[in-house]
Amino acid sequence: MDYNACKEKIVRSLNQKYILRIVLTSGIILLLIYLLISNIKEIKQYEFSFSILNLIISFIFVLAASLILPVIWYLITVNLNCNISFAKSLKARLISEIGKYIPGRIFGYGYLLVHYKGYGKEQLRVLNSAIYELYLSAYSAFLFFTIILLFTSFNILDEFKIGLIAISLIGVISLHPLIFKKISGVFYKIFKKEKIEFEITFKKMFGLLSLYLIYWIVIGIAFFFFVRAFTIVTLMDLPFLAGSFAISTFAGFLVFFLPSGLGAREGLLIYLLVVIMNNRLAIVISIGSRIWLILCDTILFFIALFAHNMHKRTTS
């Protein structure tokens, strides 16, 4: 193959990648617009008033909480020996977060696998990181709710207190490196790969879990101010609201075939919120929180996309 033919092939390949990137980005933007419009239409049928100040404060906290997640992801990849630089990891993780609006989070983790492959990182290690992150995020939500349940009443859920505590303890045991390595072994057999050696201690796993609990505290505070934007709540209601948001999100994790757990999360949240407010207001807050989270993810997605494009321009 001569020089000109080789050059033409490279240019054609780059153009195809550029077109694919435009198509995917446009698709994501259209999906976000659709979700926002459909949810706004749903909430418009109810009368409500809100405090702009509390809404702004809630956005500050939810954005802060959302930035904790990429830090945890980076630390997981460091411990599983497949990390890239923190800045690149941050951008990739924020962009991939949009994937949760596609059933099964296929796009999000698929994007990470492809992105890390471009840096020569072993796919199985990245897949292990994704599985571990998914487990930690779901389990930490459940554990956070269980801890709050020890001190706060959640109506009918109080009857399951002993069972929830038992499940939480089993979840802690499941974090042990030996068990995690056995779970990873299943994937080695499926993909017919040799076992990957990595060092991650029980102490480090507890450190990652602690960071997730901090995330739930921060986003719980964000949800408190969000609710306060619609109705009067006191600091005494903070544990109840934070716990309700966490267990509702956990319910969304369980129905992974729905985009970001839509429906399951809102349904449980409405059920819990009617303990401290009327049914109509609970519906408004539940649907409103869906819009609130979509807007947050949209803002972070465009920031990451802008940073990615600026970096490419400065390095090209």
C-alpha atoms as a PDB file:
ATOM      1  CA  MET A   1       0.000   0.000   0.000  1.00  0.00           C
ATOM      2  CA  ASP A   2       1.536   3.358  -1.061  1.00  0.00           C
ATOM      3  CA  TYR A   3       1.753   6.490   1.123  1.00  0.00           C
ATOM      4  CA  ASN A   4      -1.295   8.260  -0.381  1.00  0.00           C
ATOM      5  CA  ALA A   5      -3.530   5.177  -0.043  1.00  0.00           C
ATOM      6  CA  CYS A   6      -2.435   4.724   3.578  1.00  0.00           C
ATOM      7  CA  LYS A   7      -3.059   8.389   4.322  1.00  0.00           C
ATOM      8  CA  GLU A   8      -6.515   8.213   2.705  1.00  0.00           C
ATOM      9  CA  LYS A   9      -7.399   5.158   4.799  1.00  0.00           C
ATOM     10  CA  ILE A  10      -6.374   6.914   8.032  1.00  0.00           C
ATOM     11  CA  VAL A  11      -8.337  10.056   7.146  1.00  0.00           C
ATOM     12  CA  ARG A  12     -11.425   7.945   6.300  1.00  0.00           C
ATOM     13  CA  SER A  13     -11.144   6.122   9.629  1.00  0.00           C
ATOM     14  CA  LEU A  14     -10.830   9.395  11.567  1.00  0.00           C
ATOM     15  CA  ASN A  15     -13.843  10.841   9.729  1.00  0.00           C
ATOM     16  CA  GLN A  16     -15.901   7.770  10.619  1.00  0.00           C
ATOM     17  CA  LYS A  17     -14.949   8.110  14.300  1.00  0.00           C
ATOM     18  CA  TYR A  18     -15.802  11.828  14.202  1.00  0.00           C
ATOM     19  CA  ILE A  19     -19.210  11.139  12.624  1.00  0.00           C
ATOM     20  CA  LEU A  20     -19.906   8.381  15.154  1.00  0.00           C
ATOM     21  CA  ARG A  21     -19.004  10.750  18.010  1.00  0.00           C
ATOM     22  CA  ILE A  22     -21.380  13.390  16.633  1.00  0.00           C
ATOM     23  CA  VAL A  23     -24.201  10.842  16.239  1.00  0.00           C
ATOM     24  CA  LEU A  24     -23.731   9.494  19.790  1.00  0.00           C
ATOM     25  CA  THR A  25     -23.500  12.981  21.329  1.00  0.00           C
ATOM     26  CA  SER A  26     -26.586  14.144  19.403  1.00  0.00           C
ATOM     27  CA  GLY A  27     -28.460  11.013  20.488  1.00  0.00           C
ATOM     28  CA  ILE A  28     -27.604  11.639  24.141  1.00  0.00           C
ATOM     29  CA  ILE A  29     -28.654  15.300  23.910  1.00  0.00           C
ATOM     30  CA  LEU A  30     -31.972  14.337  22.281  1.00  0.00           C
ATOM     31  CA  LEU A  31     -32.548  11.684  24.971  1.00  0.00           C
ATOM     32  CA  LEU A  32     -31.934  14.226  27.750  1.00  0.00           C
ATOM     33  CA  ILE A  33     -34.247  16.773  26.092  1.00  0.00           C
ATOM     34  CA  TYR A  34     -36.953  14.115  25.715  1.00  0.00           C
ATOM     35  CA  LEU A  35     -36.647  13.067  29.368  1.00  0.00           C
ATOM     36  CA  LEU A  36     -36.788  16.668  30.565  1.00  0.00           C
ATOM     37  CA  ILE A  37     -39.808  17.612  28.407  1.00  0.00           C
ATOM     38  CA  SER A  38     -41.773  14.452  29.274  1.00  0.00           C
ATOM     39  CA  ASN A  39     -41.155  14.904  33.008  1.00  0.00           C
ATOM     40  CA  ILE A  40     -41.987  18.620  32.939  1.00  0.00           C
ATOM     41  CA  LYS A  41     -45.289  17.806  31.194  1.00  0.00           C
ATOM     42  CA  GLU A  42     -46.011  15.216  33.874  1.00  0.00           C
ATOM     43  CA  ILE A  43     -45.373  17.634  36.740  1.00  0.00           C
ATOM     44  CA  LYS A  44     -47.278  20.578  35.186  1.00  0.00           C
ATOM     45  CA  GLN A  45     -50.652  19.048  36.046  1.00  0.00           C
ATOM     46  CA  TYR A  46     -50.016  19.777  39.746  1.00  0.00           C
ATOM     47  CA  GLU A  47     -50.083  23.163  41.440  1.00  0.00           C
ATOM     48  CA  PHE A  48     -47.056  23.976  43.550  1.00  0.00           C
ATOM     49  CA  SER A  49     -44.766  26.790  44.630  1.00  0.00           C
ATOM     50  CA  PHE A  50     -41.072  26.670  45.380  1.00  0.00           C
ATOM     51  CA  SER A  51     -38.169  28.593  46.929  1.00  0.00           C
ATOM     52  CA  ILE A  52     -35.499  29.472  44.374  1.00  0.00           C
ATOM     53  CA  LEU A  53     -32.841  29.891  47.087  1.00  0.00           C
ATOM     54  CA  ASN A  54     -33.343  26.363  48.455  1.00  0.00           C
ATOM     55  CA  LEU A  55     -33.412  25.011  44.902  1.00  0.00           C
ATOM     56  CA  ILE A  56     -30.049  26.657  44.137  1.00  0.00           C
ATOM     57  CA  ILE A  57     -28.539  25.291  47.379  1.00  0.00           C
ATOM     58  CA  SER A  58     -29.821  21.811  46.480  1.00  0.00           C
ATOM     59  CA  PHE A  59     -28.120  22.039  43.069  1.00  0.00           C
ATOM     60  CA  ILE A  60     -24.820  23.029  44.692  1.00  0.00           C
ATOM     61  CA  PHE A  61     -24.953  19.977  46.978  1.00  0.00           C
ATOM     62  CA  VAL A  62     -26.076  17.526  44.281  1.00  0.00           C
ATOM     63  CA  LEU A  63     -23.315  18.702  41.942  1.00  0.00           C
ATOM     64  CA  ALA A  64     -20.800  18.296  44.783  1.00  0.00           C
ATOM     65  CA  ALA A  65     -22.138  14.786  45.485  1.00  0.00           C
ATOM     66  CA  SER A  66     -21.943  13.875  41.798  1.00  0.00           C
ATOM     67  CA  LEU A  67     -18.266  14.807  41.729  1.00  0.00           C
ATOM     68  CA  ILE A  68     -17.523  12.333  44.536  1.00  0.00           C
ATOM     69  CA  LEU A  69     -18.463   9.407  42.269  1.00  0.00           C
ATOM     70  CA  PRO A  70     -15.666   9.918  39.698  1.00  0.00           C
ATOM     71  CA  VAL A  71     -13.167  10.091  42.588  1.00  0.00           C
ATOM     72  CA  ILE A  72     -14.389   6.712  43.872  1.00  0.00           C
ATOM     73  CA  TRP A  73     -14.233   5.264  40.346  1.00  0.00           C
ATOM     74  CA  TYR A  74     -10.642   6.473  39.963  1.00  0.00           C
ATOM     75  CA  LEU A  75      -9.628   4.903  43.301  1.00  0.00           C
ATOM     76  CA  ILE A  76     -11.268   1.594  42.297  1.00  0.00           C
ATOM     77  CA  THR A  77      -9.310   1.508  39.025  1.00  0.00           C
ATOM     78  CA  VAL A  78      -6.108   2.345  40.931  1.00  0.00           C
ATOM     79  CA  ASN A  79      -6.678  -0.597  43.278  1.00  0.00           C
ATOM     80  CA  LEU A  80      -7.428  -2.908  40.327  1.00  0.00           C
ATOM     81  CA  ASN A  81      -4.391  -1.658  38.373  1.00  0.00           C
ATOM     82  CA  CYS A  82      -6.197  -0.256  35.331  1.00  0.00           C
ATOM     83  CA  ASN A  83      -6.210   3.472  36.068  1.00  0.00           C
ATOM     84  CA  ILE A  84      -5.482   6.350  33.732  1.00  0.00           C
ATOM     85  CA  SER A  85      -4.700   9.914  34.859  1.00  0.00           C
ATOM     86  CA  PHE A  86      -7.215  11.479  37.253  1.00  0.00           C
ATOM     87  CA  ALA A  87      -8.177  14.250  34.797  1.00  0.00           C
ATOM     88  CA  LYS A  88      -8.862  11.758  31.977  1.00  0.00           C
ATOM     89  CA  SER A  89     -10.686   9.442  34.375  1.00  0.00           C
ATOM     90  CA  LEU A  90     -12.863  12.323  35.620  1.00  0.00           C
ATOM     91  CA  LYS A  91     -13.924  13.328  32.099  1.00  0.00           C
ATOM     92  CA  ALA A  92     -14.603   9.742  31.038  1.00  0.00           C
ATOM     93  CA  ARG A  93     -16.644   8.985  34.166  1.00  0.00           C
ATOM     94  CA  LEU A  94     -18.796  12.118  33.891  1.00  0.00           C
ATOM     95  CA  ILE A  95     -19.557  11.412  30.223  1.00  0.00           C
ATOM     96  CA  SER A  96     -20.322   7.734  30.940  1.00  0.00           C
ATOM     97  CA  GLU A  97     -22.798   8.677  33.695  1.00  0.00           C
ATOM     98  CA  ILE A  98     -25.364   9.508  31.001  1.00  0.00           C
ATOM     99  CA  GLY A  99     -25.366   5.771  30.230  1.00  0.00           C
ATOM    100  CA  LYS A 100     -27.599   5.123  33.254  1.00  0.00           C
ATOM    101  CA  TYR A 101     -30.528   6.487  31.236  1.00  0.00           C
ATOM    102  CA  ILE A 102     -30.163   3.516  28.895  1.00  0.00           C
ATOM    103  CA  PRO A 103     -31.525   0.230  30.352  1.00  0.00           C
ATOM    104  CA  GLY A 104     -28.810  -1.858  32.001  1.00  0.00           C
ATOM    105  CA  ARG A 105     -26.357   1.076  31.913  1.00  0.00           C
ATOM    106  CA  ILE A 106     -24.991  -0.508  28.725  1.00  0.00           C
ATOM    107  CA  PHE A 107     -23.771   2.730  27.175  1.00  0.00           C
ATOM    108  CA  GLY A 108     -22.035   3.984  30.325  1.00  0.00           C
ATOM    109  CA  TYR A 109     -19.904   0.935  31.032  1.00  0.00           C
ATOM    110  CA  GLY A 110     -19.475   0.214  27.319  1.00  0.00           C
ATOM    111  CA  TYR A 111     -18.051   3.707  26.883  1.00  0.00           C
ATOM    112  CA  LEU A 112     -15.614   3.168  29.773  1.00  0.00           C
ATOM    113  CA  LEU A 113     -14.431  -0.168  28.367  1.00  0.00           C
ATOM    114  CA  VAL A 114     -13.754   1.362  24.932  1.00  0.00           C
ATOM    115  CA  HIS A 115     -12.204   4.505  26.430  1.00  0.00           C
ATOM    116  CA  TYR A 116      -9.795   2.590  28.674  1.00  0.00           C
ATOM    117  CA  LYS A 117      -8.931   0.188  25.857  1.00  0.00           C
ATOM    118  CA  GLY A 118      -7.661   3.217  23.948  1.00  0.00           C
ATOM    119  CA  TYR A 119      -5.087   3.685  26.712  1.00  0.00           C
ATOM    120  CA  GLY A 120      -4.038   0.039  26.549  1.00  0.00           C
ATOM    121  CA  LYS A 121      -5.800  -0.981  29.767  1.00  0.00           C
ATOM    122  CA  GLU A 122      -6.858  -4.614  30.104  1.00  0.00           C
ATOM    123  CA  GLN A 123     -10.584  -4.937  29.476  1.00  0.00           C
ATOM    124  CA  LEU A 124     -11.172  -7.534  32.186  1.00  0.00           C
ATOM    125  CA  ARG A 125      -9.664  -5.260  34.834  1.00  0.00           C
ATOM    126  CA  VAL A 126     -11.922  -2.381  33.721  1.00  0.00           C
ATOM    127  CA  LEU A 127     -14.915  -4.746  33.727  1.00  0.00           C
ATOM    128  CA  ASN A 128     -13.999  -5.848  37.262  1.00  0.00           C
ATOM    129  CA  SER A 129     -13.847  -2.179  38.280  1.00  0.00           C
ATOM    130  CA  ALA A 130     -17.298  -1.554  36.793  1.00  0.00           C
ATOM    131  CA  ILE A 131     -18.791  -4.587  38.571  1.00  0.00           C
ATOM    132  CA  TYR A 132     -17.217  -3.593  41.866  1.00  0.00           C
ATOM    133  CA  GLU A 133     -18.412   0.013  41.513  1.00  0.00           C
ATOM    134  CA  LEU A 134     -21.940  -1.144  40.698  1.00  0.00           C
ATOM    135  CA  TYR A 135     -21.984  -3.418  43.753  1.00  0.00           C
ATOM    136  CA  LEU A 136     -20.545  -0.745  46.063  1.00  0.00           C
ATOM    137  CA  SER A 137     -22.963   1.962  44.883  1.00  0.00           C
ATOM    138  CA  ALA A 138     -26.011  -0.280  45.370  1.00  0.00           C
ATOM    139  CA  TYR A 139     -24.856  -1.805  48.658  1.00  0.00           C
ATOM    140  CA  SER A 140     -23.806   1.556  50.162  1.00  0.00           C
ATOM    141  CA  ALA A 141     -27.310   2.954  49.477  1.00  0.00           C
ATOM    142  CA  PHE A 142     -28.837  -0.034  51.280  1.00  0.00           C
ATOM    143  CA  LEU A 143     -26.356   0.207  54.180  1.00  0.00           C
ATOM    144  CA  PHE A 144     -26.872   3.971  54.539  1.00  0.00           C
ATOM    145  CA  PHE A 145     -30.644   3.477  54.777  1.00  0.00           C
ATOM    146  CA  THR A 146     -30.235   0.630  57.296  1.00  0.00           C
ATOM    147  CA  ILE A 147     -28.021   2.787  59.547  1.00  0.00           C
ATOM    148  CA  ILE A 148     -30.612   5.582  59.504  1.00  0.00           C
ATOM    149  CA  LEU A 149     -33.389   3.028  60.118  1.00  0.00           C
ATOM    150  CA  LEU A 150     -31.809   2.262  63.506  1.00  0.00           C
ATOM    151  CA  PHE A 151     -32.648   5.791  64.677  1.00  0.00           C
ATOM    152  CA  THR A 152     -35.564   6.885  62.446  1.00  0.00           C
ATOM    153  CA  SER A 153     -39.017   5.434  61.729  1.00  0.00           C
ATOM    154  CA  PHE A 154     -39.939   4.617  58.116  1.00  0.00           C
ATOM    155  CA  ASN A 155     -43.504   3.396  58.678  1.00  0.00           C
ATOM    156  CA  ILE A 156     -44.085  -0.167  57.365  1.00  0.00           C
ATOM    157  CA  LEU A 157     -40.358  -0.681  56.608  1.00  0.00           C
ATOM    158  CA  ASP A 158     -39.704  -0.691  60.372  1.00  0.00           C
ATOM    159  CA  GLU A 159     -41.096  -4.241  60.506  1.00  0.00           C
ATOM    160  CA  PHE A 160     -38.164  -5.477  58.393  1.00  0.00           C
ATOM    161  CA  LYS A 161     -35.455  -3.853  60.542  1.00  0.00           C
ATOM    162  CA  ILE A 162     -33.842  -7.108  61.736  1.00  0.00           C
ATOM    163  CA  GLY A 163     -33.835  -8.591  58.217  1.00  0.00           C
ATOM    164  CA  LEU A 164     -32.309  -5.428  56.736  1.00  0.00           C
ATOM    165  CA  ILE A 165     -29.558  -5.412  59.368  1.00  0.00           C
ATOM    166  CA  ALA A 166     -28.782  -9.079  58.605  1.00  0.00           C
ATOM    167  CA  ILE A 167     -28.568  -8.356  54.849  1.00  0.00           C
ATOM    168  CA  SER A 168     -26.268  -5.384  55.559  1.00  0.00           C
ATOM    169  CA  LEU A 169     -23.906  -7.623  57.541  1.00  0.00           C
ATOM    170  CA  ILE A 170     -23.854 -10.179  54.703  1.00  0.00           C
ATOM    171  CA  GLY A 171     -23.056  -7.317  52.339  1.00  0.00           C
ATOM    172  CA  VAL A 172     -20.022  -6.345  54.422  1.00  0.00           C
ATOM    173  CA  ILE A 173     -18.745  -9.936  54.315  1.00  0.00           C
ATOM    174  CA  SER A 174     -19.213  -9.945  50.527  1.00  0.00           C
ATOM    175  CA  LEU A 175     -16.762  -7.054  50.320  1.00  0.00           C
ATOM    176  CA  HIS A 176     -13.926  -9.307  51.468  1.00  0.00           C
ATOM    177  CA  PRO A 177     -11.186  -9.616  48.803  1.00  0.00           C
ATOM    178  CA  LEU A 178     -11.367 -13.425  48.772  1.00  0.00           C
ATOM    179  CA  ILE A 179     -15.058 -13.384  47.866  1.00  0.00           C
ATOM    180  CA  PHE A 180     -14.561 -10.641  45.283  1.00  0.00           C
ATOM    181  CA  LYS A 181     -11.762 -12.625  43.647  1.00  0.00           C
ATOM    182  CA  LYS A 182     -14.018 -15.676  43.433  1.00  0.00           C
ATOM    183  CA  ILE A 183     -16.718 -13.597  41.737  1.00  0.00           C
ATOM    184  CA  SER A 184     -14.064 -12.263  39.327  1.00  0.00           C
ATOM    185  CA  GLY A 185     -13.004 -15.855  38.623  1.00  0.00           C
ATOM    186  CA  VAL A 186     -16.395 -16.514  37.060  1.00  0.00           C
ATOM    187  CA  PHE A 187     -15.701 -13.806  34.469  1.00  0.00           C
ATOM    188  CA  TYR A 188     -12.247 -15.196  33.755  1.00  0.00           C
ATOM    189  CA  LYS A 189     -13.848 -18.516  32.843  1.00  0.00           C
ATOM    190  CA  ILE A 190     -16.592 -16.900  30.742  1.00  0.00           C
ATOM    191  CA  PHE A 191     -14.101 -14.828  28.729  1.00  0.00           C
ATOM    192  CA  LYS A 192     -11.487 -17.632  28.789  1.00  0.00           C
ATOM    193  CA  LYS A 193      -8.824 -15.361  30.241  1.00  0.00           C
ATOM    194  CA  GLU A 194      -6.038 -16.051  32.684  1.00  0.00           C
ATOM    195  CA  LYS A 195      -6.611 -14.872  36.242  1.00  0.00           C
ATOM    196  CA  ILE A 196      -5.526 -11.313  36.921  1.00  0.00           C
ATOM    197  CA  GLU A 197      -3.538 -10.659  40.081  1.00  0.00           C
ATOM    198  CA  PHE A 198      -4.403  -7.472  41.927  1.00  0.00           C
ATOM    199  CA  GLU A 199      -3.910  -6.248  45.464  1.00  0.00           C
ATOM    200  CA  ILE A 200      -6.866  -4.752  47.305  1.00  0.00           C
ATOM    201  CA  THR A 201      -7.138  -5.108  51.062  1.00  0.00           C
ATOM    202  CA  PHE A 202     -10.233  -5.275  53.236  1.00  0.00           C
ATOM    203  CA  LYS A 203      -9.105  -1.946  54.748  1.00  0.00           C
ATOM    204  CA  LYS A 204      -9.048  -0.270  51.321  1.00  0.00           C
ATOM    205  CA  MET A 205     -12.489  -1.678  50.534  1.00  0.00           C
ATOM    206  CA  PHE A 206     -13.844  -0.141  53.732  1.00  0.00           C
ATOM    207  CA  GLY A 207     -12.238   3.132  52.693  1.00  0.00           C
ATOM    208  CA  LEU A 208     -14.119   3.047  49.368  1.00  0.00           C
ATOM    209  CA  LEU A 209     -17.351   2.156  51.173  1.00  0.00           C
ATOM    210  CA  SER A 210     -16.808   5.105  53.553  1.00  0.00           C
ATOM    211  CA  LEU A 211     -16.492   7.447  50.572  1.00  0.00           C
ATOM    212  CA  TYR A 212     -19.800   6.131  49.250  1.00  0.00           C
ATOM    213  CA  LEU A 213     -21.429   6.774  52.635  1.00  0.00           C
ATOM    214  CA  ILE A 214     -20.110  10.352  52.467  1.00  0.00           C
ATOM    215  CA  TYR A 215     -21.696  10.588  49.008  1.00  0.00           C
ATOM    216  CA  TRP A 216     -25.074   9.515  50.424  1.00  0.00           C
ATOM    217  CA  ILE A 217     -24.770  12.065  53.228  1.00  0.00           C
ATOM    218  CA  VAL A 218     -24.046  14.901  50.773  1.00  0.00           C
ATOM    219  CA  ILE A 219     -26.781  13.925  48.312  1.00  0.00           C
ATOM    220  CA  GLY A 220     -29.140  13.407  51.266  1.00  0.00           C
ATOM    221  CA  ILE A 221     -28.506  17.018  52.290  1.00  0.00           C
ATOM    222  CA  ALA A 222     -29.078  18.046  48.655  1.00  0.00           C
ATOM    223  CA  PHE A 223     -32.429  16.232  48.646  1.00  0.00           C
ATOM    224  CA  PHE A 224     -33.364  17.885  51.956  1.00  0.00           C
ATOM    225  CA  PHE A 225     -32.906  21.348  50.417  1.00  0.00           C
ATOM    226  CA  PHE A 226     -34.728  20.210  47.283  1.00  0.00           C
ATOM    227  CA  VAL A 227     -37.757  19.180  49.375  1.00  0.00           C
ATOM    228  CA  ARG A 228     -37.448  22.409  51.329  1.00  0.00           C
ATOM    229  CA  ALA A 229     -37.813  24.281  48.052  1.00  0.00           C
ATOM    230  CA  PHE A 230     -41.396  22.921  47.828  1.00  0.00           C
ATOM    231  CA  THR A 231     -42.559  22.664  51.440  1.00  0.00           C
ATOM    232  CA  ILE A 232     -41.561  23.367  55.037  1.00  0.00           C
ATOM    233  CA  VAL A 233     -39.271  20.732  56.548  1.00  0.00           C
ATOM    234  CA  THR A 234     -36.928  20.968  59.547  1.00  0.00           C
ATOM    235  CA  LEU A 235     -33.504  19.520  60.306  1.00  0.00           C
ATOM    236  CA  MET A 236     -35.330  16.796  62.248  1.00  0.00           C
ATOM    237  CA  ASP A 237     -36.661  15.560  58.881  1.00  0.00           C
ATOM    238  CA  LEU A 238     -33.178  15.373  57.318  1.00  0.00           C
ATOM    239  CA  PRO A 239     -32.391  11.739  58.311  1.00  0.00           C
ATOM    240  CA  PHE A 240     -35.803  10.564  57.090  1.00  0.00           C
ATOM    241  CA  LEU A 241     -35.468  12.370  53.747  1.00  0.00           C
ATOM    242  CA  ALA A 242     -31.854  11.245  53.214  1.00  0.00           C
ATOM    243  CA  GLY A 243     -32.742   7.638  54.035  1.00  0.00           C
ATOM    244  CA  SER A 244     -35.830   7.726  51.805  1.00  0.00           C
ATOM    245  CA  PHE A 245     -33.783   9.006  48.878  1.00  0.00           C
ATOM    246  CA  ALA A 246     -31.103   6.323  49.403  1.00  0.00           C
ATOM    247  CA  ILE A 247     -33.470   3.332  49.635  1.00  0.00           C
ATOM    248  CA  SER A 248     -35.500   4.645  46.677  1.00  0.00           C
ATOM    249  CA  THR A 249     -32.318   4.849  44.620  1.00  0.00           C
ATOM    250  CA  PHE A 250     -31.480   1.298  45.710  1.00  0.00           C
ATOM    251  CA  ALA A 251     -34.902   0.195  44.400  1.00  0.00           C
ATOM    252  CA  GLY A 252     -33.917   1.810  41.090  1.00  0.00           C
ATOM    253  CA  PHE A 253     -30.687  -0.234  41.067  1.00  0.00           C
ATOM    254  CA  LEU A 254     -32.685  -3.447  41.394  1.00  0.00           C
ATOM    255  CA  VAL A 255     -34.741  -2.770  38.251  1.00  0.00           C
ATOM    256  CA  PHE A 256     -31.632  -2.346  36.086  1.00  0.00           C
ATOM    257  CA  PHE A 257     -33.670  -2.910  32.917  1.00  0.00           C
ATOM    258  CA  LEU A 258     -35.302   0.525  33.377  1.00  0.00           C
ATOM    259  CA  PRO A 259     -33.440   3.753  32.458  1.00  0.00           C
ATOM    260  CA  SER A 260     -31.854   4.946  35.740  1.00  0.00           C
ATOM    261  CA  GLY A 261     -34.491   2.954  37.645  1.00  0.00           C
ATOM    262  CA  LEU A 262     -37.205   5.362  36.526  1.00  0.00           C
ATOM    263  CA  GLY A 263     -40.570   4.438  38.017  1.00  0.00           C
ATOM    264  CA  ALA A 264     -39.369   2.123  40.776  1.00  0.00           C
ATOM    265  CA  ARG A 265     -37.392   4.886  42.477  1.00  0.00           C
ATOM    266  CA  GLU A 266     -40.202   7.417  42.183  1.00  0.00           C
ATOM    267  CA  GLY A 267     -42.881   4.952  43.311  1.00  0.00           C
ATOM    268  CA  LEU A 268     -41.099   4.038  46.546  1.00  0.00           C
ATOM    269  CA  LEU A 269     -40.162   7.664  47.175  1.00  0.00           C
ATOM    270  CA  ILE A 270     -43.802   8.759  46.919  1.00  0.00           C
ATOM    271  CA  TYR A 271     -44.814   5.957  49.308  1.00  0.00           C
ATOM    272  CA  LEU A 272     -42.263   7.115  51.896  1.00  0.00           C
ATOM    273  CA  LEU A 273     -42.824  10.855  51.508  1.00  0.00           C
ATOM    274  CA  VAL A 274     -46.575  10.657  52.235  1.00  0.00           C
ATOM    275  CA  VAL A 275     -45.595  10.015  55.861  1.00  0.00           C
ATOM    276  CA  ILE A 276     -44.623  13.700  56.232  1.00  0.00           C
ATOM    277  CA  MET A 277     -46.665  15.398  53.475  1.00  0.00           C
ATOM    278  CA  ASN A 278     -49.819  15.016  51.389  1.00  0.00           C
ATOM    279  CA  ASN A 279     -49.934  12.670  48.417  1.00  0.00           C
ATOM    280  CA  ARG A 280     -50.046  15.379  45.722  1.00  0.00           C
ATOM    281  CA  LEU A 281     -46.964  17.145  47.061  1.00  0.00           C
ATOM    282  CA  ALA A 282     -45.134  13.811  47.368  1.00  0.00           C
ATOM    283  CA  ILE A 283     -45.811  13.155  43.664  1.00  0.00           C
ATOM    284  CA  VAL A 284     -44.550  16.633  42.701  1.00  0.00           C
ATOM    285  CA  ILE A 285     -41.337  16.186  44.708  1.00  0.00           C
ATOM    286  CA  SER A 286     -40.756  12.659  43.397  1.00  0.00           C
ATOM    287  CA  ILE A 287     -41.149  13.611  39.731  1.00  0.00           C
ATOM    288  CA  GLY A 288     -39.384  16.928  40.343  1.00  0.00           C
ATOM    289  CA  SER A 289     -36.368  15.125  41.815  1.00  0.00           C
ATOM    290  CA  ARG A 290     -36.161  13.110  38.588  1.00  0.00           C
ATOM    291  CA  ILE A 291     -35.876  16.359  36.582  1.00  0.00           C
ATOM    292  CA  TRP A 292     -33.433  17.707  39.178  1.00  0.00           C
ATOM    293  CA  LEU A 293     -31.067  14.735  38.727  1.00  0.00           C
ATOM    294  CA  ILE A 294     -31.356  14.762  34.924  1.00  0.00           C
ATOM    295  CA  LEU A 295     -30.420  18.462  34.874  1.00  0.00           C
ATOM    296  CA  CYS A 296     -27.437  17.785  37.136  1.00  0.00           C
ATOM    297  CA  ASP A 297     -26.188  14.952  34.892  1.00  0.00           C
ATOM    298  CA  THR A 298     -26.758  17.141  31.818  1.00  0.00           C
ATOM    299  CA  ILE A 299     -24.701  20.011  33.263  1.00  0.00           C
ATOM    300  CA  LEU A 300     -21.816  17.693  34.200  1.00  0.00           C
ATOM    301  CA  PHE A 301     -21.993  15.920  30.822  1.00  0.00           C
ATOM    302  CA  PHE A 302     -21.588  19.183  28.899  1.00  0.00           C
ATOM    303  CA  ILE A 303     -18.813  20.374  31.217  1.00  0.00           C
ATOM    304  CA  ALA A 304     -16.911  17.110  30.653  1.00  0.00           C
ATOM    305  CA  LEU A 305     -17.564  17.254  26.902  1.00  0.00           C
ATOM    306  CA  PHE A 306     -16.381  20.864  26.724  1.00  0.00           C
ATOM    307  CA  ALA A 307     -13.234  20.036  28.728  1.00  0.00           C
ATOM    308  CA  HIS A 308     -12.558  17.031  26.475  1.00  0.00           C
ATOM    309  CA  ASN A 309     -12.863  19.130  23.285  1.00  0.00           C
ATOM    310  CA  MET A 310     -10.718  21.938  24.724  1.00  0.00           C
ATOM    311  CA  HIS A 311      -8.018  19.438  25.676  1.00  0.00           C
ATOM    312  CA  LYS A 312      -8.027  17.942  22.166  1.00  0.00           C
ATOM    313  CA  ARG A 313      -7.684  21.394  20.617  1.00  0.00           C
ATOM    314  CA  THR A 314      -4.746  22.387  22.823  1.00  0.00           C
ATOM    315  CA  THR A 315      -2.905  19.106  22.186  1.00  0.00           C
ATOM    316  CA  SER A 316      -3.572  18.944  18.422  1.00  0.00           C
END
